[in-house]
N, C-alpha and C. Protein backbone atom coordinates (compact mmCIF):
# COMPACT_ATOMS: atom_id res chain seq x y z
N MET A 1 104.25 64.24 4.68
CA MET A 1 104.96 64.20 5.94
C MET A 1 105.37 65.62 6.32
N LEU A 2 105.37 65.87 7.58
CA LEU A 2 105.79 67.18 8.06
C LEU A 2 107.28 67.37 7.84
N PRO A 3 107.71 68.60 7.57
CA PRO A 3 109.13 68.83 7.29
C PRO A 3 110.03 68.53 8.48
N ASP A 4 109.55 68.68 9.69
CA ASP A 4 110.38 68.44 10.86
C ASP A 4 110.14 67.01 11.34
N THR A 5 111.17 66.18 11.30
CA THR A 5 111.00 64.76 11.61
C THR A 5 110.69 64.50 13.07
N LYS A 6 110.81 65.47 13.95
CA LYS A 6 110.47 65.21 15.35
C LYS A 6 108.98 64.91 15.51
N TYR A 7 108.16 65.23 14.51
CA TYR A 7 106.73 64.96 14.58
C TYR A 7 106.35 63.61 13.98
N ARG A 8 107.31 62.92 13.43
CA ARG A 8 107.01 61.64 12.78
C ARG A 8 106.38 60.67 13.77
N ASP A 9 105.29 60.04 13.34
CA ASP A 9 104.59 59.03 14.11
C ASP A 9 103.96 59.54 15.40
N HIS A 10 103.70 60.82 15.49
CA HIS A 10 102.99 61.38 16.64
C HIS A 10 101.60 61.79 16.14
N PHE A 11 100.69 60.84 16.17
CA PHE A 11 99.36 61.07 15.64
C PHE A 11 98.31 60.79 16.70
N VAL A 12 97.21 61.47 16.59
CA VAL A 12 96.06 61.23 17.45
C VAL A 12 94.84 61.13 16.54
N ALA A 13 94.05 60.12 16.76
CA ALA A 13 92.79 59.97 16.03
C ALA A 13 91.65 60.22 17.00
N ILE A 14 90.72 61.03 16.60
CA ILE A 14 89.57 61.35 17.46
C ILE A 14 88.32 60.87 16.73
N ASP A 15 87.62 59.95 17.35
CA ASP A 15 86.39 59.41 16.77
C ASP A 15 85.22 60.29 17.22
N VAL A 16 84.58 60.92 16.27
CA VAL A 16 83.48 61.84 16.57
C VAL A 16 82.19 61.24 16.02
N PRO A 17 81.20 61.09 16.87
CA PRO A 17 79.93 60.52 16.40
C PRO A 17 79.27 61.41 15.36
N PRO A 18 78.56 60.82 14.41
CA PRO A 18 77.83 61.62 13.42
C PRO A 18 76.86 62.58 14.13
N GLY A 19 76.82 63.80 13.66
CA GLY A 19 75.90 64.79 14.21
C GLY A 19 76.40 65.49 15.46
N ALA A 20 77.60 65.15 15.93
CA ALA A 20 78.14 65.78 17.14
C ALA A 20 78.50 67.24 16.88
N ASP A 21 78.41 68.05 17.91
CA ASP A 21 78.82 69.46 17.82
C ASP A 21 80.34 69.52 17.82
N MET A 22 80.91 69.95 16.72
CA MET A 22 82.36 69.97 16.57
C MET A 22 83.02 71.24 17.09
N SER A 23 82.24 72.24 17.47
CA SER A 23 82.84 73.51 17.87
C SER A 23 83.76 73.41 19.08
N PRO A 24 83.43 72.66 20.15
CA PRO A 24 84.40 72.56 21.26
C PRO A 24 85.72 71.91 20.84
N LEU A 25 85.65 70.88 20.00
CA LEU A 25 86.86 70.21 19.53
C LEU A 25 87.68 71.15 18.64
N SER A 26 87.01 71.85 17.75
CA SER A 26 87.71 72.79 16.88
C SER A 26 88.40 73.88 17.68
N THR A 27 87.73 74.37 18.70
CA THR A 27 88.32 75.40 19.57
C THR A 27 89.55 74.88 20.29
N LEU A 28 89.45 73.68 20.83
CA LEU A 28 90.59 73.07 21.52
C LEU A 28 91.78 72.87 20.58
N LEU A 29 91.52 72.32 19.40
CA LEU A 29 92.60 72.08 18.46
C LEU A 29 93.23 73.39 17.99
N GLN A 30 92.43 74.41 17.76
CA GLN A 30 92.98 75.70 17.34
C GLN A 30 93.86 76.30 18.43
N ARG A 31 93.46 76.15 19.69
CA ARG A 31 94.28 76.65 20.80
C ARG A 31 95.63 75.94 20.83
N GLU A 32 95.63 74.62 20.58
CA GLU A 32 96.90 73.88 20.53
C GLU A 32 97.78 74.37 19.39
N VAL A 33 97.18 74.71 18.27
CA VAL A 33 97.95 75.26 17.14
C VAL A 33 98.56 76.60 17.55
N ASP A 34 97.75 77.46 18.12
CA ASP A 34 98.20 78.81 18.47
C ASP A 34 99.23 78.83 19.59
N GLU A 35 99.04 78.00 20.60
CA GLU A 35 99.89 78.06 21.79
C GLU A 35 101.04 77.06 21.81
N ALA A 36 100.88 75.94 21.13
CA ALA A 36 101.89 74.88 21.23
C ALA A 36 102.47 74.48 19.89
N GLY A 37 102.05 75.12 18.82
CA GLY A 37 102.60 74.81 17.51
C GLY A 37 102.13 73.49 16.94
N ALA A 38 100.98 73.00 17.41
CA ALA A 38 100.45 71.74 16.89
C ALA A 38 100.02 71.91 15.43
N PHE A 39 99.89 70.79 14.76
CA PHE A 39 99.41 70.75 13.39
C PHE A 39 98.27 69.75 13.36
N TRP A 40 97.15 70.13 12.76
CA TRP A 40 96.04 69.19 12.67
C TRP A 40 95.33 69.36 11.36
N GLU A 41 94.63 68.29 10.98
CA GLU A 41 93.84 68.31 9.76
C GLU A 41 92.72 67.29 9.89
N TRP A 42 91.65 67.53 9.16
CA TRP A 42 90.55 66.57 9.11
C TRP A 42 90.95 65.44 8.17
N ALA A 43 90.45 64.26 8.44
CA ALA A 43 90.71 63.13 7.57
C ALA A 43 89.39 62.43 7.26
N ASP A 44 89.40 61.65 6.21
CA ASP A 44 88.22 60.88 5.87
C ASP A 44 87.99 59.80 6.92
N ALA A 45 86.73 59.47 7.11
CA ALA A 45 86.39 58.39 8.03
C ALA A 45 86.87 57.07 7.45
N MET A 46 87.44 56.25 8.31
CA MET A 46 87.88 54.94 7.88
C MET A 46 87.78 53.98 9.06
N PRO A 47 87.54 52.72 8.79
CA PRO A 47 87.44 51.74 9.87
C PRO A 47 88.74 51.64 10.66
N PHE A 48 88.62 51.37 11.94
CA PHE A 48 89.79 51.20 12.80
C PHE A 48 90.61 50.01 12.34
N SER A 49 91.92 50.14 12.40
CA SER A 49 92.81 49.03 12.04
C SER A 49 94.00 49.05 12.98
N THR A 50 94.46 47.88 13.36
CA THR A 50 95.63 47.78 14.23
C THR A 50 96.93 47.73 13.45
N THR A 51 96.84 47.73 12.12
CA THR A 51 98.03 47.71 11.27
C THR A 51 98.02 48.91 10.35
N ARG A 52 99.20 49.30 9.93
CA ARG A 52 99.32 50.38 8.94
C ARG A 52 99.23 49.79 7.56
N SER A 53 98.62 50.57 6.64
CA SER A 53 98.59 50.08 5.27
C SER A 53 99.44 50.92 4.37
């Protein structure tokens, strides 16, 4: 969990098709980090679920 609780439960999942060019997305996310203090990380692929586990 992030140290600052104001970020709790503020998540975005981006579904990227296999073989897609990731450079535009990486550029966008890096700009958000640099300009807005966003935090992002890659995660393993997992099936969509409407509940938390």
